Protein backbone atom coordinates (compact mmCIF):
# COMPACT_ATOMS: atom_id res chain seq x y z
CA UNK A 1 122.13 33.15 -66.30
CA UNK A 2 118.41 32.72 -65.74
CA UNK A 3 116.30 31.61 -68.70
CA UNK A 4 114.11 34.31 -70.17
CA UNK A 5 110.65 33.67 -68.76
CA UNK A 6 108.07 35.78 -66.94
CA UNK A 7 109.15 36.33 -63.37
CA UNK A 8 110.76 38.78 -60.98
CA UNK A 9 113.80 39.17 -58.76
CA UNK A 10 113.42 39.67 -55.01
CA UNK A 11 115.90 40.70 -52.36
CA UNK A 12 116.20 40.67 -48.58
CA UNK A 13 118.85 41.20 -45.92
CA UNK A 14 121.54 43.87 -45.53
CA UNK A 15 121.22 47.06 -47.56
CA UNK A 16 123.03 49.53 -45.29
CA UNK A 17 124.79 51.21 -48.23
CA UNK A 18 121.58 51.85 -50.14
CA UNK A 19 121.80 48.81 -52.41
CA UNK A 20 118.78 46.89 -53.65
CA UNK A 21 116.27 46.15 -52.25
CA UNK A 22 116.55 48.94 -49.68
CA UNK A 23 117.68 51.71 -52.05
CA UNK A 24 118.65 54.01 -49.17
CA UNK A 25 115.41 53.68 -47.22
CA UNK A 26 116.70 51.36 -44.49
CA UNK A 27 119.65 49.18 -43.58
CA UNK A 28 117.86 45.83 -43.59
CA UNK A 29 114.92 44.10 -45.26
CA UNK A 30 113.49 41.21 -43.24
CA UNK A 31 111.22 39.69 -45.87
CA UNK A 32 111.53 39.31 -49.67
CA UNK A 33 110.73 42.45 -51.67
CA UNK A 34 110.71 42.88 -55.45
CA UNK A 35 113.75 44.71 -56.82
CA UNK A 36 112.69 48.13 -57.97
CA UNK A 37 115.53 49.14 -60.29
CA UNK A 38 114.60 47.08 -63.38
CA UNK A 39 112.22 44.30 -64.31
CA UNK A 40 114.38 42.74 -67.03
CA UNK A 41 117.19 41.54 -64.76
CA UNK A 42 118.83 38.27 -65.77
CA UNK A 43 121.76 38.06 -63.34
CA UNK A 44 122.70 39.40 -59.89
CA UNK A 45 126.12 39.54 -58.22
CA UNK A 46 126.29 40.99 -54.71
CA UNK A 47 129.28 42.18 -52.72
CA UNK A 48 129.11 43.50 -49.15
CA UNK A 49 128.59 47.19 -49.90
CA UNK A 50 127.09 47.14 -53.39
CA UNK A 51 125.10 44.99 -55.80
CA UNK A 52 125.53 44.57 -59.56
CA UNK A 53 122.53 43.75 -61.78
CA UNK A 54 122.74 42.65 -65.41
CA UNK A 55 119.73 43.17 -67.68
CA UNK A 56 118.73 41.10 -70.67
CA UNK A 57 119.69 44.04 -72.83
CA UNK A 58 123.30 43.84 -71.63
CA UNK A 59 123.25 46.77 -69.19
CA UNK A 60 124.99 46.48 -65.83
CA UNK A 61 123.64 48.64 -63.00
CA UNK A 62 125.34 49.20 -59.65
CA UNK A 63 123.57 50.20 -56.44
CA UNK A 64 124.91 50.75 -52.95
CA UNK A 65 128.23 52.32 -51.95
CA UNK A 66 128.83 52.88 -55.68
CA UNK A 67 126.35 53.50 -58.47
CA UNK A 68 126.72 53.55 -62.20
CA UNK A 69 125.73 51.86 -65.45
CA UNK A 70 127.50 50.42 -68.47
CA UNK A 71 126.31 48.75 -71.67
CA UNK A 72 127.47 45.80 -73.71
CA UNK A 73 127.76 43.61 -70.61
CA UNK A 74 127.38 39.84 -70.69
CA UNK A 75 128.32 38.92 -67.15
CA UNK A 76 129.47 40.58 -63.92
CA UNK A 77 131.22 39.50 -60.73
CA UNK A 78 131.25 41.89 -57.78
CA UNK A 79 133.71 42.02 -54.89
CA UNK A 80 134.91 44.79 -52.59
CA UNK A 81 138.31 44.99 -54.29
CA UNK A 82 137.38 44.30 -57.89
CA UNK A 83 134.40 44.59 -60.23
CA UNK A 84 134.85 42.22 -63.17
CA UNK A 85 132.83 42.46 -66.38
CA UNK A 86 132.58 40.42 -69.55
CA UNK A 87 131.78 43.03 -72.21
CA UNK A 88 131.49 43.13 -75.95
CA UNK A 89 134.87 44.09 -77.35
CA UNK A 90 136.34 44.76 -80.78
CA UNK A 91 134.99 42.64 -83.59
CA UNK A 92 133.32 39.44 -82.45
CA UNK A 93 135.40 39.13 -79.30
CA UNK A 94 134.34 39.42 -75.67
CA UNK A 95 136.66 41.38 -73.40
CA UNK A 96 137.33 40.77 -69.74
CA UNK A 97 137.57 44.05 -67.80
CA UNK A 98 138.50 44.67 -64.17
CA UNK A 99 137.42 47.93 -62.53
CA UNK A 100 137.92 49.49 -59.14
CA UNK A 101 134.36 49.55 -57.73
CA UNK A 102 134.79 53.22 -56.78
CA UNK A 103 135.37 54.17 -60.41
CA UNK A 104 131.64 53.60 -61.03
CA UNK A 105 132.64 52.35 -64.51
CA UNK A 106 133.98 55.75 -65.62
CA UNK A 107 137.33 56.25 -67.33
CA UNK A 108 139.52 53.24 -68.04
CA UNK A 109 139.47 49.82 -66.37
CA UNK A 110 142.35 48.71 -64.15
CA UNK A 111 143.14 46.15 -66.81
CA UNK A 112 141.50 44.43 -69.74
CA UNK A 113 142.08 40.86 -70.89
CA UNK A 114 143.93 40.68 -74.21
CA UNK A 115 141.57 38.71 -76.44
CA UNK A 116 144.57 37.29 -78.26
CA UNK A 117 146.29 36.02 -75.12
CA UNK A 118 147.00 32.31 -75.17
CA UNK A 119 144.08 30.36 -73.75
CA UNK A 120 142.04 33.50 -73.12
CA UNK A 121 140.32 34.23 -76.42
CA UNK A 122 136.60 34.59 -75.74
CA UNK A 123 134.17 34.31 -78.63
CA UNK A 124 130.84 36.08 -78.78
CA UNK A 125 129.13 32.69 -78.57
CA UNK A 126 130.93 31.73 -75.35
CA UNK A 127 128.63 30.76 -72.48
CA UNK A 128 128.15 33.40 -69.84
CA UNK A 129 127.11 33.47 -66.19
CA UNK A 130 130.25 31.63 -65.12
CA UNK A 131 132.36 34.35 -63.49
CA UNK A 132 134.75 34.24 -61.68
CA UNK A 133 135.52 31.33 -64.05
CA UNK A 134 136.18 32.60 -67.56
CA UNK A 135 134.28 30.99 -70.44
CA UNK A 136 137.54 29.45 -71.62
CA UNK A 137 137.42 27.37 -68.39
CA UNK A 138 141.20 27.57 -68.05
CA UNK A 139 141.42 30.89 -66.17
CA UNK A 140 139.62 32.42 -63.19
CA UNK A 141 139.77 35.83 -61.58
CA UNK A 142 140.08 36.68 -57.91
CA UNK A 143 140.14 39.94 -55.93
CA UNK A 144 143.73 39.29 -54.86
CA UNK A 145 146.93 39.65 -56.92
CA UNK A 146 147.79 38.31 -59.41
CA UNK A 147 144.00 38.57 -60.11
CA UNK A 148 144.09 36.11 -63.03
CA UNK A 149 144.92 32.48 -62.24
CA UNK A 150 145.46 29.64 -64.70
CA UNK A 151 143.93 26.22 -64.11
CA UNK A 152 145.38 22.93 -65.29
CA UNK A 153 143.56 21.98 -68.53
CA UNK A 154 142.94 18.46 -67.23
CA UNK A 155 140.62 19.90 -64.56
CA UNK A 156 137.99 20.65 -67.24
CA UNK A 157 136.28 23.15 -64.98
CA UNK A 158 132.58 23.92 -65.43
CA UNK A 159 131.97 25.95 -62.25
CA UNK A 160 134.21 27.78 -59.80
CA UNK A 161 133.20 29.51 -56.57
CA UNK A 162 135.31 31.65 -54.23
CA UNK A 163 134.88 31.92 -50.47
CA UNK A 164 136.69 34.32 -48.17
CA UNK A 165 139.80 32.13 -48.09
CA UNK A 166 139.06 29.10 -50.27
CA UNK A 167 137.95 28.00 -53.73
CA UNK A 168 135.70 25.21 -54.99
CA UNK A 169 135.81 23.80 -58.50
CA UNK A 170 133.31 21.47 -60.17
CA UNK A 171 134.66 19.61 -63.19
CA UNK A 172 132.90 18.21 -66.24
CA UNK A 173 132.62 14.77 -64.62
CA UNK A 174 130.91 16.14 -61.50
CA UNK A 175 133.98 15.86 -59.28
CA UNK A 176 134.72 18.56 -56.69
CA UNK A 177 138.15 20.09 -56.03
CA UNK A 178 139.03 22.55 -53.28
CA UNK A 179 142.05 24.62 -52.29
CA UNK A 180 143.06 27.65 -50.25
CA UNK A 181 142.67 28.23 -46.52
CA UNK A 182 141.31 25.32 -44.51
CA UNK A 183 141.36 26.51 -40.89
CA UNK A 184 137.58 26.13 -40.61
CA UNK A 185 137.36 22.78 -42.40
CA UNK A 186 135.96 24.48 -45.51
CA UNK A 187 138.09 22.39 -47.90
CA UNK A 188 136.41 19.14 -46.85
CA UNK A 189 139.58 17.02 -46.69
CA UNK A 190 139.23 16.12 -43.03
CA UNK A 191 141.95 18.49 -41.83
CA UNK A 192 142.32 22.19 -41.06
CA UNK A 193 145.37 22.53 -43.31
CA UNK A 194 145.56 24.78 -46.34
CA UNK A 195 145.99 23.45 -49.87
CA UNK A 196 148.00 25.41 -52.41
CA UNK A 197 146.65 23.56 -55.46
CA UNK A 198 143.24 22.10 -56.36
CA UNK A 199 142.79 18.81 -54.52
CA UNK A 200 140.11 16.25 -55.30
CA UNK A 201 137.49 15.91 -52.58
CA UNK A 202 137.87 12.18 -52.03
CA UNK A 203 134.89 11.91 -49.70
CA UNK A 204 132.58 12.69 -52.65
CA UNK A 205 134.22 10.44 -55.24
CA UNK A 206 131.66 8.34 -57.05
CA UNK A 207 128.91 10.87 -56.28
CA UNK A 208 128.61 13.20 -59.30
CA UNK A 209 127.79 16.75 -58.28
CA UNK A 210 125.68 19.26 -60.19
CA UNK A 211 126.59 22.48 -58.36
CA UNK A 212 128.95 23.87 -55.73
CA UNK A 213 128.61 26.94 -53.51
CA UNK A 214 131.25 28.62 -51.34
CA UNK A 215 130.35 30.67 -48.29
CA UNK A 216 132.72 32.78 -46.27
CA UNK A 217 134.19 29.75 -44.52
CA UNK A 218 131.78 26.94 -45.39
CA UNK A 219 130.93 24.90 -48.48
CA UNK A 220 127.83 23.30 -49.97
CA UNK A 221 127.24 21.12 -53.02
CA UNK A 222 124.21 19.61 -54.70
CA UNK A 223 124.49 16.16 -56.26
CA UNK A 224 123.01 15.05 -59.57
CA UNK A 225 120.58 12.97 -57.51
CA UNK A 226 119.49 16.18 -55.68
CA UNK A 227 121.16 15.41 -52.37
CA UNK A 228 122.79 18.18 -50.34
CA UNK A 229 126.25 18.04 -48.74
CA UNK A 230 127.71 20.60 -46.32
CA UNK A 231 131.07 21.13 -44.60
CA UNK A 232 133.23 23.79 -42.98
CA UNK A 233 132.50 26.36 -40.28
CA UNK A 234 129.22 26.10 -38.36
CA UNK A 235 129.59 29.08 -36.02
CA UNK A 236 126.17 30.52 -36.93
CA UNK A 237 124.44 27.29 -37.88
CA UNK A 238 125.23 27.78 -41.58
CA UNK A 239 125.64 24.01 -42.00
CA UNK A 240 122.25 23.34 -40.38
CA UNK A 241 124.08 21.40 -37.67
CA UNK A 242 123.67 22.16 -33.94
CA UNK A 243 125.50 25.43 -33.22
CA UNK A 244 126.68 26.55 -29.81
CA UNK A 245 125.93 30.23 -30.51
CA UNK A 246 122.29 29.42 -31.20
CA UNK A 247 121.62 27.44 -28.04
CA UNK A 248 118.25 28.36 -26.55
CA UNK A 249 119.81 29.30 -23.23
CA UNK A 250 123.34 29.93 -22.01
CA UNK A 251 124.83 26.76 -20.61
CA UNK A 252 128.29 25.80 -19.43
CA UNK A 253 130.65 24.26 -21.95
CA UNK A 254 132.07 21.09 -20.42
CA UNK A 255 134.48 19.92 -23.08
CA UNK A 256 135.47 19.77 -26.71
CA UNK A 257 137.19 17.43 -29.14
CA UNK A 258 136.67 15.37 -32.29
CA UNK A 259 133.93 12.80 -32.73
CA UNK A 260 134.27 9.55 -34.68
CA UNK A 261 133.49 11.35 -37.95
CA UNK A 262 136.24 13.92 -37.39
CA UNK A 263 133.90 16.82 -36.58
CA UNK A 264 135.02 19.35 -33.98
CA UNK A 265 132.41 18.98 -31.24
CA UNK A 266 131.66 20.96 -28.10
CA UNK A 267 129.49 19.51 -25.33
CA UNK A 268 127.40 21.45 -22.86
CA UNK A 269 125.57 20.46 -19.74
CA UNK A 270 121.92 21.11 -19.12
CA UNK A 271 119.85 18.99 -21.52
CA UNK A 272 116.48 17.69 -20.39
CA UNK A 273 117.75 14.16 -19.80
CA UNK A 274 120.94 15.38 -18.11
CA UNK A 275 123.25 14.19 -20.91
CA UNK A 276 125.71 16.58 -22.56
CA UNK A 277 124.39 18.12 -25.78
CA UNK A 278 126.87 18.15 -28.68
CA UNK A 279 127.42 21.24 -30.78
CA UNK A 280 129.40 21.06 -34.02
CA UNK A 281 131.77 23.98 -34.52
CA UNK A 282 133.71 22.64 -37.52
CA UNK A 283 132.70 19.90 -39.96
CA UNK A 284 135.87 19.03 -41.92
CA UNK A 285 134.25 16.29 -44.04
CA UNK A 286 131.16 16.60 -46.29
CA UNK A 287 128.00 15.70 -44.36
CA UNK A 288 124.74 14.67 -46.02
CA UNK A 289 121.98 17.08 -45.03
CA UNK A 290 118.32 16.13 -45.26
CA UNK A 291 115.86 18.91 -46.03
CA UNK A 292 112.43 18.89 -44.38
CA UNK A 293 109.64 16.79 -45.91
CA UNK A 294 112.11 14.88 -48.04
CA UNK A 295 112.60 17.91 -50.31
CA UNK A 296 115.14 17.53 -53.11
CA UNK A 297 117.74 20.23 -53.71
CA UNK A 298 118.37 21.61 -57.20
CA UNK A 299 120.36 24.77 -56.40
CA UNK A 300 122.29 26.38 -53.57
CA UNK A 301 124.10 29.59 -52.70
CA UNK A 302 126.04 30.72 -49.65
CA UNK A 303 126.55 34.06 -47.97
CA UNK A 304 129.25 34.85 -45.49
CA UNK A 305 127.54 32.78 -42.79
CA UNK A 306 124.18 31.77 -44.23
CA UNK A 307 122.94 29.22 -46.75
CA UNK A 308 120.00 29.15 -49.18
CA UNK A 309 118.73 26.16 -51.15
CA UNK A 310 116.13 25.86 -53.91
CA UNK A 311 114.11 22.63 -54.09
CA UNK A 312 112.80 20.70 -57.07
CA UNK A 313 109.28 21.98 -56.33
CA UNK A 314 110.41 25.62 -56.26
CA UNK A 315 110.57 26.21 -52.54
CA UNK A 316 113.35 28.15 -50.82
CA UNK A 317 114.99 27.04 -47.57
CA UNK A 318 117.44 29.22 -45.65
CA UNK A 319 119.45 28.92 -42.45
CA UNK A 320 122.51 30.29 -40.65
CA UNK A 321 123.24 33.87 -39.60
CA UNK A 322 120.17 36.08 -39.88
CA UNK A 323 121.04 39.38 -38.18
CA UNK A 324 120.03 41.54 -41.17
CA UNK A 325 117.05 39.50 -42.33
CA UNK A 326 119.06 37.61 -44.97
CA UNK A 327 117.10 34.43 -44.20
CA UNK A 328 113.83 36.07 -45.26
CA UNK A 329 111.72 34.92 -42.30
CA UNK A 330 110.47 38.40 -41.28
CA UNK A 331 112.89 38.57 -38.37
CA UNK A 332 116.60 38.82 -37.61
CA UNK A 333 116.94 35.45 -35.89
CA UNK A 334 119.67 32.95 -36.81
CA UNK A 335 118.84 29.30 -37.42
CA UNK A 336 120.77 26.04 -37.32
CA UNK A 337 118.10 24.11 -39.23
CA UNK A 338 116.60 24.52 -42.71
CA UNK A 339 113.48 26.68 -42.64
CA UNK A 340 111.19 27.34 -45.60
CA UNK A 341 110.72 30.96 -46.68
CA UNK A 342 106.95 31.22 -46.51
CA UNK A 343 106.71 34.45 -48.51
CA UNK A 344 107.02 32.63 -51.83
CA UNK A 345 104.51 29.97 -50.80
CA UNK A 346 101.93 32.58 -49.77
CA UNK A 347 102.47 34.55 -52.98
CA UNK A 348 102.16 31.33 -55.02
CA UNK A 349 105.60 31.84 -56.53
CA UNK A 350 108.03 29.16 -57.63
CA UNK A 351 111.67 29.91 -56.87
CA UNK A 352 114.05 29.21 -59.74
CA UNK A 353 117.35 30.77 -58.69
CA UNK A 354 118.98 32.02 -55.50
CA UNK A 355 122.13 34.16 -55.24
CA UNK A 356 123.55 35.17 -51.87
CA UNK A 357 125.64 38.21 -51.14
CA UNK A 358 127.75 38.18 -47.97
CA UNK A 359 124.88 39.53 -45.84
CA UNK A 360 121.88 39.42 -48.18
CA UNK A 361 119.96 37.16 -50.54
CA UNK A 362 118.49 37.58 -54.03
CA UNK A 363 115.89 35.26 -55.55
CA UNK A 364 114.34 34.84 -58.99
CA UNK A 365 110.79 33.45 -58.88
CA UNK A 366 107.98 32.86 -61.35
CA UNK A 367 104.25 32.47 -60.94
CA UNK A 368 103.24 28.97 -59.92
CA UNK A 369 101.19 27.82 -62.89
CA UNK A 370 99.85 24.80 -61.01
CA UNK A 371 97.99 27.03 -58.57
């Protein structure tokens, strides 16, 4: 959850179902625009066809393929198959509810978490903003049966993120675990194999992490020393590594294989000096990524095939797939390098939080008091 302070939420990218920020006027927004629904938003969760907003007063509002409102809400997690809410329940308890998005929060939920269930009791003082990880830290929800999954208590989870086929977990000690599908290297273990159970990311041992972010098939994490690490699929440049699909001109692919670091590399002919130019399709190990001007990362979020990072000085950098304007650069171009979103600089706004939907991006920014 974002701290209560003067500021506003902005959105850009895909809004073909009428979700914020388009609200039915167009299918894409190429540059950040203030959200028009409410000004007291404290949390945003975006799925492909709809967006869920939570206000400071505990109201959840849906826009897009479904619309509706509900009160007593503490947190929300939106997906195409399931809309999950943490809501005030009987007494001093907080109840976990799962709804079919099409129900628009009318009638009865698909199921509700029994507050008395072992390991699932949620107090009114429990921290929020953690979904799909429950405040108990021992259970998480997913859009696929059995919907509720137990975690080993020794994992001591403090953040959990779900991609299209994989999961990332950050524990209390700053260690990263991953599991699920690995065919695009998104698990970071150096292979393309799947993992059925959480497995420690050995490549990052000894480097405490502060945040993890899961894209469709790529992964990002921010260290406590504000470094940025990326791995997984790079088809659209979402790792900010050279991507074949974003080559300036069409050239002939001459070969492919693994380099010394284990990355899946394609080479093409036609560079200025005549040497083959390498393109990285899959990065199965975490790679350290330097932001321009030595900027330090403090937050990150991933869409299906794009990435957004907030810096210590409140700037926003985006890269990857940009077909619907989700990069916020006033165009629909894709990028395989970090590029600063100039809108917030020109408006003298300091970015505090970024949240990516699959094909769009939402940002919370405050006035830059130093200006």
